[in-house]
């Protein structure tokens, strides 16, 4: 497991936002910018994976005709 894969979604998003901020300032050298871009791409991929995993776990509550919860079912589209 890589260092990025160990990050929570929130930690990865914070680091991604900081990385984008560094790139936007334009103060990094070309080599630093390339390294920041590559790390940012890996962080983005990790965040997308974490979101997909969370979506797959989400369930929707089903209700009976009188409005009482009867259970859950997977989110549509899975």
Protein backbone atom coordinates (compact mmCIF):
# COMPACT_ATOMS: atom_id res chain seq x y z
CA UNK A 1 0.00 0.00 0.00
CA UNK A 2 1.44 3.37 -1.00
CA UNK A 3 1.59 6.41 1.23
CA UNK A 4 -1.28 8.03 -0.71
CA UNK A 5 -3.46 4.91 -0.41
CA UNK A 6 -3.16 5.18 3.37
CA UNK A 7 -4.66 8.69 3.40
CA UNK A 8 -8.27 9.26 4.34
CA UNK A 9 -10.43 11.02 1.79
CA UNK A 10 -10.33 14.23 3.83
CA UNK A 11 -6.55 14.20 4.23
CA UNK A 12 -6.06 13.49 0.53
CA UNK A 13 -8.41 16.34 -0.41
CA UNK A 14 -6.56 18.77 1.86
CA UNK A 15 -3.25 17.79 0.32
CA UNK A 16 -4.69 17.99 -3.19
CA UNK A 17 -6.01 21.50 -2.49
CA UNK A 18 -2.61 22.55 -1.14
CA UNK A 19 -0.89 21.06 -4.18
CA UNK A 20 -3.18 22.91 -6.57
CA UNK A 21 -2.56 26.11 -4.62
CA UNK A 22 1.20 25.69 -5.01
CA UNK A 23 0.82 25.11 -8.74
CA UNK A 24 -1.44 28.14 -9.14
CA UNK A 25 1.09 30.51 -7.58
CA UNK A 26 3.56 29.75 -10.37
CA UNK A 27 6.46 30.03 -7.94
CA UNK A 28 7.63 26.43 -8.30
CA UNK A 29 10.40 25.53 -10.70
CA UNK A 30 9.54 23.43 -13.74
CA UNK A 31 10.78 20.25 -12.05
CA UNK A 32 8.86 21.04 -8.85
CA UNK A 33 5.74 21.78 -10.89
CA UNK A 34 5.99 18.44 -12.68
CA UNK A 35 6.40 16.61 -9.36
CA UNK A 36 3.46 18.54 -7.85
CA UNK A 37 1.30 17.76 -10.90
CA UNK A 38 2.14 14.05 -10.72
CA UNK A 39 1.36 13.91 -6.98
CA UNK A 40 -1.84 15.86 -7.56
CA UNK A 41 -2.93 13.37 -10.21
CA UNK A 42 -2.34 10.47 -7.80
CA UNK A 43 -4.22 12.28 -5.02
CA UNK A 44 -7.15 12.97 -7.36
CA UNK A 45 -7.27 9.33 -8.40
CA UNK A 46 -7.23 8.24 -4.75
CA UNK A 47 -10.06 10.64 -3.86
CA UNK A 48 -12.17 9.39 -6.76
CA UNK A 49 -11.60 5.79 -5.66
CA UNK A 50 -12.60 6.61 -2.07
CA UNK A 51 -15.77 8.33 -3.30
CA UNK A 52 -16.71 5.34 -5.49
CA UNK A 53 -16.20 3.00 -2.54
CA UNK A 54 -18.42 5.19 -0.36
CA UNK A 55 -21.13 5.34 -3.03
CA UNK A 56 -21.14 1.57 -3.29
CA UNK A 57 -21.81 1.28 0.43
CA UNK A 58 -24.66 3.76 0.47
CA UNK A 59 -28.05 2.13 0.77
CA UNK A 60 -31.45 3.64 0.37
CA UNK A 61 -34.14 3.09 2.97
CA UNK A 62 -37.29 1.45 1.65
CA UNK A 63 -40.68 2.38 3.09
CA UNK A 64 -43.92 0.43 3.32
CA UNK A 65 -47.20 1.83 2.00
CA UNK A 66 -47.89 3.41 5.41
CA UNK A 67 -44.50 5.15 5.44
CA UNK A 68 -42.72 2.85 7.89
CA UNK A 69 -39.13 1.75 7.14
CA UNK A 70 -39.03 -1.83 5.88
CA UNK A 71 -35.33 -2.25 5.17
CA UNK A 72 -32.68 -1.11 2.79
CA UNK A 73 -31.67 -1.84 -0.77
CA UNK A 74 -28.56 -1.00 -2.78
CA UNK A 75 -28.43 2.34 -4.53
CA UNK A 76 -29.77 2.08 -8.09
CA UNK A 77 -27.25 1.76 -10.86
CA UNK A 78 -25.06 -0.80 -9.18
